[in-house]
Amino acid sequence: MTLYGIIADLRREQPTPAAMQTFDLVVAELGKTRDNLKEAVANLGDRPLPPGGKPVLDELVARARAAGIYDLDYGPDPYDKAPVEPLDQGTAGIGALLALSSLAAVGLAIAAVVIGLNAILRTSSG
């Protein structure tokens, strides 16, 4: 049985608004704790639960402990940091050409502005 399976069973058994709100809060916290119910419940301790939500939360914790899935640890988040890939010569060459062409475009834009301002200033003074 998975943690979300237990939550689904409890939702069917206790279809009250307070229970649904409590389960919604738990599921939102599970997303932040990488499915660690122990941490999710600790995070919920700071926030008020809906009236009647505490017994529902206690039942969820009891069932998760009985199933051995109360304090799961999946290790560090693999999507937290992108893996570093080696840079090959072709990619480095393309990057260098893009950088040079960008610098050339900026240089030409500056030259065009200077020439345009120079032409405007000559016609206004003359």
Protein backbone atom coordinates (compact mmCIF):
# COMPACT_ATOMS: atom_id res chain seq x y z
CA MET A 1 0.00 0.00 0.00
CA THR A 2 1.28 3.44 -0.90
CA LEU A 3 0.82 6.63 1.06
CA TYR A 4 -1.50 8.01 -1.59
CA GLY A 5 -3.47 4.75 -1.51
CA ILE A 6 -4.03 5.21 2.21
CA ILE A 7 -5.14 8.79 1.64
CA ALA A 8 -7.56 7.62 -1.10
CA ASP A 9 -9.02 4.98 1.25
CA LEU A 10 -9.46 7.54 4.02
CA ARG A 11 -11.11 9.98 1.59
CA ARG A 12 -13.69 7.30 0.74
CA GLU A 13 -14.22 6.35 4.39
CA GLN A 14 -14.49 9.93 5.69
CA PRO A 15 -16.03 12.16 2.99
CA THR A 16 -16.51 15.17 5.28
CA PRO A 17 -15.41 18.66 4.19
CA ALA A 18 -12.95 18.87 7.11
CA ALA A 19 -11.36 15.57 6.13
CA MET A 20 -11.08 16.60 2.48
CA GLN A 21 -9.46 19.92 3.40
CA THR A 22 -7.04 18.13 5.72
CA PHE A 23 -6.07 15.63 3.04
CA ASP A 24 -5.59 18.46 0.55
CA LEU A 25 -3.23 20.18 2.99
CA VAL A 26 -1.33 16.92 3.56
CA VAL A 27 -0.98 16.23 -0.17
CA ALA A 28 0.31 19.76 -0.77
CA GLU A 29 2.92 19.30 1.96
CA LEU A 30 3.87 15.86 0.61
CA GLY A 31 4.79 17.56 -2.65
CA LYS A 32 7.19 19.82 -0.76
CA THR A 33 8.75 17.03 1.32
CA ARG A 34 9.17 14.45 -1.44
CA ASP A 35 6.45 12.17 0.01
CA ASN A 36 7.78 12.14 3.57
CA LEU A 37 4.68 12.11 5.78
CA LYS A 38 6.67 12.72 8.96
CA GLU A 39 8.04 16.01 7.59
CA ALA A 40 4.68 16.95 6.06
CA VAL A 41 2.90 16.50 9.40
CA ALA A 42 5.64 18.51 11.14
CA ASN A 43 5.13 21.32 8.60
CA LEU A 44 1.37 21.20 9.18
CA GLY A 45 1.92 21.61 12.92
CA ASP A 46 2.54 25.31 12.31
CA ARG A 47 -0.76 25.82 10.48
CA PRO A 48 -4.29 25.43 11.84
CA LEU A 49 -6.19 22.39 10.60
CA PRO A 50 -9.90 22.53 9.75
CA PRO A 51 -12.21 21.66 12.68
CA GLY A 52 -12.23 17.87 12.92
CA GLY A 53 -9.05 17.53 10.87
CA LYS A 54 -6.78 16.40 13.71
CA PRO A 55 -8.41 12.94 14.18
CA VAL A 56 -8.26 12.39 10.40
CA LEU A 57 -4.57 13.30 10.36
CA ASP A 58 -3.91 11.01 13.33
CA GLU A 59 -5.62 8.12 11.52
CA LEU A 60 -3.49 8.76 8.43
CA VAL A 61 -0.31 8.76 10.52
CA ALA A 62 -1.36 5.54 12.31
CA ARG A 63 -2.06 3.73 9.04
CA ALA A 64 1.18 4.97 7.47
CA ARG A 65 3.19 3.77 10.48
CA ALA A 66 1.45 0.39 10.33
CA ALA A 67 2.33 0.11 6.64
CA GLY A 68 5.94 1.20 7.28
CA ILE A 69 5.72 4.26 5.04
CA TYR A 70 5.56 7.05 7.62
CA ASP A 71 9.13 8.29 7.25
CA LEU A 72 10.25 7.61 3.67
CA ASP A 73 13.52 9.01 2.38
CA TYR A 74 14.16 9.00 -1.35
CA GLY A 75 17.50 10.78 -1.11
CA PRO A 76 18.37 14.08 -2.73
CA ASP A 77 16.14 15.47 -5.43
CA PRO A 78 17.56 14.39 -8.82
CA TYR A 79 15.92 17.38 -10.53
CA ASP A 80 17.33 19.96 -8.13
CA LYS A 81 20.40 20.62 -10.27
CA ALA A 82 20.91 19.80 -13.93
CA PRO A 83 23.79 17.43 -14.62
CA VAL A 84 26.86 19.06 -16.12
CA GLU A 85 27.62 17.79 -19.60
CA PRO A 86 31.08 17.94 -21.14
CA LEU A 87 31.58 20.61 -23.81
CA ASP A 88 32.82 19.20 -27.11
CA GLN A 89 34.84 21.13 -29.71
CA GLY A 90 31.94 21.57 -32.13
CA THR A 91 29.69 23.12 -29.50
CA ALA A 92 32.49 25.38 -28.27
CA GLY A 93 33.16 26.52 -31.86
CA ILE A 94 29.51 27.32 -32.46
CA GLY A 95 29.41 29.27 -29.19
CA ALA A 96 32.51 31.23 -30.17
CA LEU A 97 31.04 32.09 -33.59
CA LEU A 98 27.78 33.23 -32.00
CA ALA A 99 29.67 35.41 -29.52
CA LEU A 100 31.77 36.98 -32.31
CA SER A 101 28.76 37.62 -34.52
CA SER A 102 26.92 39.22 -31.58
CA LEU A 103 29.88 41.49 -30.88
CA ALA A 104 30.06 42.41 -34.57
CA ALA A 105 26.34 43.26 -34.63
CA VAL A 106 26.68 45.44 -31.52
CA GLY A 107 29.72 47.16 -33.06
CA LEU A 108 27.83 47.87 -36.27
CA ALA A 109 24.85 49.20 -34.31
CA ILE A 110 27.11 51.57 -32.35
CA ALA A 111 28.78 52.69 -35.58
CA ALA A 112 25.38 53.35 -37.17
CA VAL A 113 24.27 55.44 -34.18
CA VAL A 114 27.50 57.46 -34.22
CA ILE A 115 27.26 58.07 -37.98
CA GLY A 116 23.59 59.04 -37.68
CA LEU A 117 24.21 61.45 -34.80
CA ASN A 118 27.17 62.92 -36.65
CA ALA A 119 25.02 63.52 -39.75
CA ILE A 120 22.24 65.11 -37.67
CA LEU A 121 24.63 67.40 -35.85
CA ARG A 122 26.31 68.51 -39.10
CA THR A 123 23.04 69.42 -40.77
CA SER A 124 21.74 71.30 -37.72
CA SER A 125 24.89 73.40 -37.32
CA GLY A 126 25.35 74.12 -41.01
